[in-house]
Protein backbone atom coordinates (compact mmCIF):
# COMPACT_ATOMS: atom_id res chain seq x y z
CA MET A 1 129.36 146.20 106.26
CA LYS A 2 130.97 142.81 105.55
CA LYS A 3 127.63 141.46 104.33
CA LYS A 4 127.13 144.47 102.03
CA MET A 5 130.60 143.99 100.53
CA ASN A 6 129.88 140.29 100.02
CA ASP A 7 126.52 141.06 98.38
CA ARG A 8 128.13 143.65 96.07
CA THR A 9 130.76 141.11 95.02
CA THR A 10 128.23 138.43 94.10
CA GLN A 11 126.00 140.93 92.30
CA LYS A 12 128.96 142.35 90.36
CA LYS A 13 129.93 138.93 89.07
CA GLY A 14 126.34 137.91 88.37
CA LEU A 15 126.67 135.09 90.90
CA PRO A 16 123.79 133.94 93.13
CA PRO A 17 123.42 135.57 96.58
CA SER A 18 125.74 134.16 99.22
CA PRO A 19 125.77 134.24 103.04
CA PRO A 20 128.83 135.86 104.67
CA LYS A 21 131.68 133.37 104.88
CA LEU A 22 134.64 132.81 107.16
CA PRO A 23 138.23 132.71 105.90
CA ILE A 24 139.40 129.28 104.71
CA ILE A 25 136.34 127.26 105.84
CA GLY A 26 133.79 129.46 104.08
CA ASN A 27 130.19 128.49 104.94
CA LEU A 28 130.89 124.97 106.23
CA LEU A 29 129.80 125.71 109.81
CA GLN A 30 126.43 126.95 108.56
CA LEU A 31 125.50 123.46 107.35
CA GLY A 32 124.79 122.36 110.94
CA GLN A 33 123.97 118.80 111.96
CA LEU A 34 121.07 118.44 109.51
CA PRO A 35 122.31 120.23 106.37
CA HIS A 36 119.06 120.00 104.39
CA GLN A 37 117.20 121.75 107.20
CA SER A 38 119.90 124.40 107.66
CA LEU A 39 119.94 125.07 103.91
CA LEU A 40 116.17 125.58 103.90
CA GLN A 41 116.50 128.28 106.55
CA LEU A 42 119.34 129.94 104.62
CA SER A 43 117.30 129.87 101.40
CA LYS A 44 114.50 131.81 103.10
CA LYS A 45 116.98 134.68 103.49
CA TYR A 46 119.14 134.35 100.38
CA GLY A 47 116.68 132.90 97.89
CA PRO A 48 116.06 129.61 96.03
CA VAL A 49 119.36 129.91 94.12
CA MET A 50 122.14 130.41 96.65
CA LEU A 51 125.93 130.21 96.48
CA LEU A 52 127.86 128.65 99.36
CA HIS A 53 131.62 128.38 99.72
CA LEU A 54 132.33 124.99 101.30
CA GLY A 55 136.02 125.31 101.99
CA GLY A 56 137.45 125.80 98.51
CA ILE A 57 134.41 124.43 96.66
CA PRO A 58 131.80 126.87 95.28
CA THR A 59 128.43 125.15 95.68
CA VAL A 60 125.13 126.34 94.24
CA VAL A 61 122.11 125.19 96.28
CA LEU A 62 118.70 125.05 94.56
CA SER A 63 115.63 125.13 96.82
CA SER A 64 112.69 125.66 94.45
CA ALA A 65 110.99 123.57 91.79
CA GLU A 66 111.57 126.25 89.14
CA ALA A 67 115.31 126.42 89.83
CA ALA A 68 115.56 122.62 89.90
CA ARG A 69 113.73 122.43 86.56
CA GLU A 70 116.16 124.90 84.97
CA ALA A 71 119.14 122.87 86.16
CA LEU A 72 117.90 119.30 85.69
CA LYS A 73 115.87 119.77 82.51
CA VAL A 74 116.76 122.95 80.63
CA HIS A 75 120.51 122.72 81.40
CA ASP A 76 120.71 118.99 82.12
CA LEU A 77 123.58 118.41 79.69
CA ALA A 78 125.58 121.28 81.18
CA CYS A 79 125.49 119.80 84.69
CA CYS A 80 125.24 116.04 84.25
CA SER A 81 128.74 115.30 85.54
CA ARG A 82 129.58 114.15 89.06
CA PRO A 83 132.19 115.91 91.22
CA PRO A 84 135.41 113.95 91.93
CA LEU A 85 134.72 113.18 95.60
CA ALA A 86 137.23 110.92 97.37
CA SER A 87 134.77 108.59 99.12
CA SER A 88 132.64 107.92 96.05
CA ARG A 89 135.75 107.51 93.89
CA ARG A 90 137.01 104.73 96.18
CA LEU A 91 133.75 102.98 97.00
CA LEU A 92 132.52 103.13 93.38
CA TYR A 93 135.78 101.87 91.85
CA ASN A 94 136.83 105.18 90.32
CA TYR A 95 133.29 105.96 89.05
CA ARG A 96 132.63 102.75 87.16
CA ASP A 97 129.09 102.45 88.49
CA MET A 98 125.73 102.58 86.68
CA GLY A 99 122.34 101.34 87.90
CA PHE A 100 119.87 98.46 87.40
CA ALA A 101 116.62 96.82 88.79
CA PRO A 102 113.03 93.67 89.48
CA TYR A 103 112.31 91.55 92.76
CA GLY A 104 111.38 88.26 94.53
CA LYS A 105 107.78 87.52 95.60
CA LYS A 106 108.63 85.06 98.38
CA LYS A 107 110.37 87.81 100.35
CA PHE A 108 107.07 89.50 101.15
CA ALA A 109 105.57 86.25 102.46
CA PHE A 110 108.64 85.85 104.67
CA LEU A 111 108.09 89.40 106.00
CA VAL A 112 104.49 88.55 106.96
CA ASN A 113 105.49 85.23 108.56
CA SER A 114 108.29 86.78 110.60
CA ILE A 115 105.91 89.41 112.00
CA SER A 116 103.20 86.82 112.70
CA HIS A 117 105.36 85.20 115.39
CA SER A 118 105.34 88.45 117.36
CA SER A 119 101.62 88.87 116.76
CA SER A 120 100.78 85.71 118.68
CA SER A 121 102.48 87.07 121.80
CA ALA A 122 101.41 90.71 121.30
CA THR A 123 105.02 91.88 121.54
CA PRO A 124 106.31 94.95 119.68
CA VAL A 125 108.06 94.44 116.35
CA ASP A 126 111.03 96.52 115.25
CA LEU A 127 109.65 97.47 111.85
CA SER A 128 112.80 99.40 111.03
CA GLU A 129 114.85 96.19 111.22
CA LYS A 130 112.21 94.11 109.39
CA LEU A 131 111.90 96.53 106.48
CA PHE A 132 115.65 96.92 106.11
CA ALA A 133 115.99 93.12 106.04
CA LEU A 134 113.28 92.92 103.37
CA THR A 135 114.84 95.47 101.03
CA ALA A 136 118.29 93.95 101.54
CA SER A 137 116.91 90.50 100.74
CA VAL A 138 115.17 91.75 97.59
CA THR A 139 118.33 93.53 96.49
CA PHE A 140 120.47 90.44 97.15
CA ARG A 141 118.12 88.37 95.05
CA ILE A 142 118.27 90.79 92.13
CA ALA A 143 122.02 91.23 92.18
CA PHE A 144 123.27 87.82 93.26
CA GLY A 145 120.48 85.39 92.47
CA LYS A 146 120.47 84.29 96.10
CA SER A 147 118.74 85.13 99.35
CA PHE A 148 119.96 87.68 101.89
CA ARG A 149 119.56 85.16 104.71
CA GLY A 150 122.53 82.85 105.13
CA SER A 151 124.82 84.90 102.88
CA ASP A 152 128.39 85.78 103.77
CA LEU A 153 127.39 89.26 104.92
CA ASP A 154 124.35 88.36 106.98
CA ASN A 155 121.84 90.49 108.88
CA GLU A 156 123.46 92.89 111.33
CA ARG A 157 126.92 92.95 109.76
CA PHE A 158 125.58 93.66 106.28
CA GLN A 159 123.39 96.44 107.67
CA GLU A 160 126.40 97.93 109.43
CA VAL A 161 128.57 97.86 106.31
CA VAL A 162 125.92 99.50 104.11
CA HIS A 163 125.32 102.20 106.74
CA GLU A 164 129.07 102.77 107.08
CA ALA A 165 129.46 103.10 103.32
CA GLU A 166 126.58 105.59 103.15
CA ALA A 167 128.02 107.53 106.06
CA MET A 168 131.37 107.77 104.28
CA LEU A 169 129.73 109.00 101.08
CA GLY A 170 127.75 111.63 102.96
CA SER A 171 130.32 112.66 105.55
CA PHE A 172 132.80 115.53 105.72
CA ASN A 173 135.99 114.88 103.78
CA ALA A 174 138.60 117.54 104.53
CA SER A 175 140.75 116.74 101.49
CA GLU A 176 137.85 117.65 99.19
CA TYR A 177 137.25 121.07 100.74
CA PHE A 178 140.88 121.94 101.52
CA PRO A 179 142.97 120.24 98.81
CA THR A 180 146.37 121.43 100.08
CA VAL A 181 146.10 120.48 103.77
CA GLY A 182 142.87 118.48 104.09
CA TRP A 183 144.56 115.13 103.51
CA ILE A 184 146.47 115.65 106.78
CA ILE A 185 143.21 116.08 108.71
CA ASP A 186 141.71 112.98 107.06
CA LYS A 187 144.83 110.96 107.83
CA PHE A 188 144.90 111.81 111.53
CA SER A 189 141.12 111.38 111.87
CA SER A 190 141.51 107.78 110.60
CA ARG A 191 139.13 108.54 107.74
CA PHE A 192 141.37 106.93 105.12
CA GLN A 193 141.77 103.79 107.21
CA ARG A 194 138.02 103.52 107.76
CA LEU A 195 137.32 104.04 104.06
CA GLU A 196 139.84 101.36 103.09
CA ARG A 197 138.42 98.89 105.63
CA ILE A 198 134.87 99.32 104.32
CA PHE A 199 136.05 99.13 100.71
CA HIS A 200 138.04 95.92 101.23
CA GLU A 201 135.25 94.22 103.18
CA LEU A 202 132.74 94.88 100.41
CA ASP A 203 135.29 94.24 97.65
CA ASN A 204 136.11 90.79 99.06
CA PHE A 205 132.42 89.99 99.27
CA PHE A 206 131.72 91.08 95.68
CA LYS A 207 134.76 89.14 94.45
CA HIS A 208 133.51 86.01 96.21
CA VAL A 209 130.06 86.31 94.63
CA ILE A 210 131.50 86.94 91.15
CA ASP A 211 133.78 83.89 91.53
CA LEU A 212 130.74 81.78 92.41
CA HIS A 213 129.05 82.92 89.20
CA LEU A 214 132.16 82.02 87.20
CA ASN A 215 132.30 78.54 88.74
CA PRO A 216 130.61 76.10 86.30
CA GLN A 217 129.60 73.86 89.23
CA THR A 218 127.48 76.58 90.85
CA LYS A 219 123.76 75.80 90.54
CA LYS A 220 121.66 78.73 89.36
CA GLU A 221 117.90 79.20 89.62
CA HIS A 222 117.84 81.95 86.98
CA GLU A 223 120.07 84.49 85.26
CA ASP A 224 120.74 87.50 87.48
CA ILE A 225 122.43 90.85 87.02
CA ILE A 226 125.93 89.48 87.60
CA ASP A 227 125.40 86.90 84.83
CA VAL A 228 124.37 89.70 82.45
CA LEU A 229 127.34 91.89 83.41
CA LEU A 230 129.81 89.01 83.05
CA LYS A 231 128.40 88.36 79.59
CA ILE A 232 129.04 92.02 78.66
CA GLU A 233 132.60 91.73 79.94
CA ARG A 234 133.23 88.56 77.90
CA GLU A 235 131.83 90.12 74.72
CA GLN A 236 133.96 93.26 75.09
CA THR A 237 137.08 91.16 75.72
CA LYS A 238 136.28 89.00 72.68
CA PHE A 239 136.19 92.03 70.39
CA GLY A 240 139.25 93.67 71.94
CA ALA A 241 137.34 96.50 73.62
CA ALA A 242 137.84 95.48 77.25
CA GLN A 243 136.72 98.75 78.85
CA PHE A 244 134.13 96.97 80.97
CA THR A 245 135.93 95.06 83.71
CA LYS A 246 135.11 93.27 86.95
CA ASP A 247 135.66 96.56 88.76
CA ASN A 248 132.75 97.94 86.71
CA ILE A 249 130.66 95.00 87.89
CA LYS A 250 131.62 95.59 91.52
CA ALA A 251 130.86 99.31 91.22
CA ILE A 252 127.41 98.58 89.79
CA LEU A 253 126.73 96.16 92.65
CA MET A 254 127.81 98.85 95.12
CA ASN A 255 125.45 101.27 93.41
CA ILE A 256 122.57 98.81 93.67
CA PHE A 257 123.09 98.29 97.40
CA LEU A 258 123.56 101.94 98.31
CA GLY A 259 120.63 103.01 96.16
CA GLY A 260 118.29 100.08 96.71
CA VAL A 261 118.55 98.99 100.33
CA ASP A 262 118.32 101.96 102.66
CA THR A 263 116.25 104.36 100.56
CA ALA A 264 113.24 102.06 100.08
CA ALA A 265 113.36 100.91 103.71
CA ILE A 266 113.57 104.49 105.01
CA THR A 267 110.52 105.52 102.97
CA MET A 268 108.47 102.59 104.27
CA ILE A 269 109.52 103.27 107.87
CA TRP A 270 108.42 106.91 107.60
CA ALA A 271 105.15 105.85 105.90
CA MET A 272 104.28 103.43 108.72
CA THR A 273 105.34 106.06 111.27
CA GLU A 274 102.97 108.63 109.77
CA LEU A 275 100.13 106.07 109.65
CA ALA A 276 100.75 105.06 113.27
CA LYS A 277 100.57 108.74 114.18
CA ASN A 278 97.32 109.14 112.19
CA PRO A 279 95.05 106.13 112.96
CA ARG A 280 92.29 107.47 110.68
CA LEU A 281 94.63 107.35 107.69
CA MET A 282 95.87 103.90 108.74
CA LYS A 283 92.29 102.60 108.80
CA LYS A 284 91.49 104.16 105.43
CA ALA A 285 94.53 102.50 103.85
CA GLN A 286 93.74 99.12 105.44
CA ASN A 287 90.14 99.26 104.24
CA GLU A 288 91.27 99.93 100.67
CA VAL A 289 93.69 96.98 100.60
CA ARG A 290 91.35 94.54 102.34
CA LYS A 291 88.35 95.48 100.23
CA PHE A 292 90.20 94.96 96.96
CA VAL A 293 92.21 91.86 97.90
CA GLY A 294 89.32 90.23 99.77
CA ASN A 295 89.89 86.67 101.01
CA LYS A 296 92.68 85.76 98.57
CA GLY A 297 95.14 85.56 101.45
CA LYS A 298 97.94 87.33 99.59
CA VAL A 299 98.67 90.64 97.92
CA THR A 300 100.18 90.58 94.43
CA GLU A 301 101.91 93.22 92.33
CA SER A 302 98.87 93.44 90.05
CA ASP A 303 96.74 94.25 93.12
CA THR A 304 98.87 97.28 93.95
CA ASN A 305 98.00 98.86 90.59
CA HIS A 306 94.48 99.37 91.96
CA LEU A 307 95.45 100.66 95.42
CA LEU A 308 95.24 104.37 94.66
CA TYR A 309 95.19 105.58 98.26
CA LEU A 310 98.31 103.54 99.04
CA LYS A 311 100.05 105.22 96.11
CA MET A 312 99.03 108.61 97.55
CA ILE A 313 100.53 107.62 100.91
CA ILE A 314 103.83 106.77 99.23
CA LYS A 315 103.84 110.05 97.30
CA GLU A 316 103.11 112.03 100.46
CA THR A 317 105.85 110.18 102.35
CA LEU A 318 108.35 110.91 99.59
CA ARG A 319 107.31 114.58 99.71
CA LEU A 320 107.57 115.03 103.47
CA HIS A 321 110.39 112.54 104.14
CA PRO A 322 112.49 112.20 100.97
CA PRO A 323 114.99 109.39 101.65
CA VAL A 324 117.77 111.43 100.00
CA PRO A 325 117.04 115.03 101.08
CA LEU A 326 119.89 116.55 99.05
CA LEU A 327 120.22 114.95 95.64
CA ILE A 328 123.67 113.55 94.95
CA PRO A 329 125.65 116.62 93.82
CA ARG A 330 126.32 117.37 90.19
CA GLU A 331 129.28 119.23 88.76
CA THR A 332 128.71 121.92 86.14
CA MET A 333 130.53 121.46 82.82
CA SER A 334 129.84 124.80 81.12
CA ARG A 335 128.52 128.27 81.88
CA PHE A 336 124.77 128.87 82.01
CA LYS A 337 122.17 130.79 83.99
CA ILE A 338 119.61 129.78 86.62
CA ASN A 339 117.00 132.35 87.62
CA GLY A 340 119.18 134.97 85.93
CA TYR A 341 122.31 134.12 87.94
CA ASP A 342 125.56 133.04 86.31
CA ILE A 343 126.64 129.47 86.98
CA TYR A 344 130.24 128.67 86.03
CA PRO A 345 132.01 125.39 85.16
CA LYS A 346 133.39 123.24 87.99
CA MET A 347 130.78 124.40 90.49
CA LEU A 348 128.91 121.89 92.63
CA LEU A 349 125.14 121.89 92.12
CA GLN A 350 123.01 120.69 95.03
CA VAL A 351 119.20 120.34 94.86
CA ASN A 352 117.44 120.50 98.24
CA VAL A 353 114.52 118.13 97.67
CA TRP A 354 113.59 118.35 101.35
CA ALA A 355 113.06 122.13 101.02
CA ILE A 356 111.06 121.84 97.79
CA GLY A 357 108.73 119.32 99.44
CA ARG A 358 107.97 121.84 102.18
CA ASP A 359 107.53 124.91 99.98
CA PRO A 360 104.09 126.50 100.67
CA LYS A 361 104.16 127.82 97.10
CA TYR A 362 103.45 124.29 95.87
CA TRP A 363 101.97 122.57 98.92
CA LYS A 364 99.14 123.69 101.18
CA ASN A 365 99.91 123.01 104.87
CA PRO A 366 103.30 121.55 103.86
CA GLU A 367 104.25 120.29 107.34
CA GLU A 368 101.14 118.10 107.57
CA PHE A 369 100.88 114.53 106.28
CA ILE A 370 97.89 114.67 103.89
CA PRO A 371 97.84 111.89 101.24
CA GLU A 372 94.53 113.26 99.92
CA ARG A 373 96.38 116.23 98.43
CA PHE A 374 97.22 113.92 95.49
CA ILE A 375 93.57 113.16 94.61
CA ASP A 376 93.09 114.14 90.94
CA SER A 377 96.65 115.53 90.95
CA PRO A 378 98.98 114.71 88.04
CA ILE A 379 102.07 115.24 90.23
CA ASP A 380 104.31 112.18 90.31
CA TYR A 381 107.86 111.31 91.40
CA LYS A 382 109.14 110.06 88.03
CA GLY A 383 111.15 113.17 87.20
CA GLN A 384 108.60 115.19 85.22
CA HIS A 385 107.20 117.20 88.14
CA PHE A 386 109.87 119.20 89.90
CA GLN A 387 107.75 119.77 93.02
CA LEU A 388 108.39 116.08 93.86
CA LEU A 389 111.96 115.09 93.03
CA SER A 390 112.51 112.11 95.32
CA PHE A 391 114.26 110.13 92.57
CA GLY A 392 115.89 113.06 90.79
CA ALA A 393 115.39 113.93 87.12
CA GLY A 394 117.18 114.12 83.81
CA ARG A 395 120.22 112.08 82.83
CA ARG A 396 121.10 111.50 86.48
CA GLY A 397 117.66 110.36 87.60
CA CYS A 398 117.56 107.23 89.75
CA PRO A 399 117.59 104.09 87.55
CA GLY A 400 116.19 101.95 90.38
CA ILE A 401 112.87 103.78 90.67
CA TYR A 402 110.82 100.79 89.48
CA MET A 403 112.44 98.39 91.93
CA ALA A 404 112.04 100.85 94.82
CA THR A 405 108.37 101.69 94.20
CA THR A 406 107.40 98.07 93.55
CA THR A 407 109.05 96.99 96.80
CA MET A 408 107.41 99.80 98.78
CA GLU A 409 103.92 99.19 97.38
CA LEU A 410 104.01 95.43 97.92
CA ALA A 411 105.54 95.57 101.40
CA LEU A 412 103.19 98.26 102.72
CA ALA A 413 100.16 96.58 101.15
CA ASN A 414 101.06 93.32 102.92
CA LEU A 415 101.58 95.06 106.27
CA LEU A 416 98.21 96.82 105.95
CA TYR A 417 96.33 93.75 104.68
CA PHE A 418 97.47 91.15 107.21
CA PHE A 419 97.81 93.22 110.39
CA ASP A 420 96.23 95.84 112.56
CA TRP A 421 98.84 97.93 114.35
CA LYS A 422 98.91 99.54 117.76
CA LEU A 423 101.47 101.50 119.73
CA PRO A 424 103.47 99.65 122.42
CA TYR A 425 103.57 100.24 126.15
CA GLY A 426 100.53 102.51 126.28
CA MET A 427 102.16 105.11 124.05
CA LYS A 428 100.05 107.88 122.54
CA GLU A 429 100.26 109.13 118.97
CA GLU A 430 101.86 112.38 120.10
CA ASP A 431 104.65 110.40 121.83
CA ILE A 432 106.01 109.05 118.53
CA ASN A 433 109.48 110.44 117.86
CA MET A 434 109.51 112.16 114.45
CA GLU A 435 113.13 113.37 114.60
CA GLU A 436 115.67 112.60 111.91
CA LEU A 437 119.03 111.04 112.66
CA VAL A 438 121.58 113.80 113.10
CA GLY A 439 124.67 113.83 110.91
CA LEU A 440 126.10 114.47 107.46
CA CYS A 441 124.39 111.47 105.86
CA LEU A 442 123.02 110.75 102.40
CA THR A 443 119.67 109.63 103.80
CA THR A 444 117.02 110.87 106.25
CA ASN A 445 117.01 107.97 108.68
CA LYS A 446 114.51 108.08 111.53
CA LYS A 447 116.36 108.91 114.76
CA THR A 448 114.71 106.08 116.73
CA PRO A 449 113.53 102.70 115.40
CA LEU A 450 109.80 102.26 114.76
CA SER A 451 108.32 99.60 117.05
CA LEU A 452 104.64 98.64 116.72
CA VAL A 453 102.52 95.78 118.04
CA PRO A 454 101.04 93.67 115.20
CA ILE A 455 97.60 92.05 115.46
CA LYS A 456 97.21 89.41 112.73
CA LEU A 457 93.82 89.25 111.04
CA PHE A 458 94.29 86.60 108.34
């Protein structure tokens, strides 16, 4: 009876269908430990446009390509705002972030050399750690004009801080869902203290790097993003329009790290995991790279333009394991309709990319890893095909797509060109753990690190 009353209410108002909700907390408990997976199951019952009540926040969840297209293309302007979430407000300097992107070629040679040491002793390599270090190093080079290694936030500590920041952005914040009393819960759960600690650690680091760029005695190899941003700040100050400050610069740097480090590494880890689980596909990819590159002894960016099967592997990985399974939420700014349902201002809009990538309406055998499905297929991840929305679409599409895809293509091509790979400790393909890390996170981290034994060929 309660469900019927709830259904009648949503139908009467023209709102999307909604699961029954509890008093005060609404549908929060139905998110489970892996929200994108729980939302897929709910969408099978309530449809691809579904209304959830997360505490006091009405949230519309979109789980089909058609619904995503209506929101992100047809009504892009009506829902291009971001909701005022406490964690992102603090970590992104009150929403002063943007996005940027290129890369450093020597980093890929360092990746190969670091793995080669393990190859000589036939010991397993933690590819998860290696690929995170690579993407962090590339990102450091772009943003700071310096290497990741030997920096103030080195290796393990930097990885911890980035993961903590991502966890805060993706975690439950009581004050957002229960504005009147939630701040009390956050205070006693030490959430505020943790958020402030992470913010100040990263803020001090960014301030130090900016000060180095302002120091005329600092030697520079080339102009980097901070140099460009400081130039913008100086020009605005000169003409009396100082709206772009050092906090804007810090927020952009934060955006680069959160968007550029983990997401590319996670995609590469899942790609190598799927190839390790499917030796035939691994061999096919290796043959393509080695045949084209030949005896040159290195893989260049221009080479990757010709590695069509590798590009299919990356597309299939982004489909089956999107690094950000739920696109960063948007906030609606005006009233419009999706699939005939009324969407009102100040609603959260959440696109379940993970569900769309597993929809049998668009993908045959969606749970299987089949790169060949992209042969002669125009579908791409650049925001024009809503079946594959790994980088979003519209005004809020990911600005770092070029940096991410270039890094992934070059890194994977090098791993496939220089090494054969086998499972450690007599493991079998079916023993590989394919579970995702549990928790309210922005990204779909692999639950266990990927360790493989490299065999160097060149």
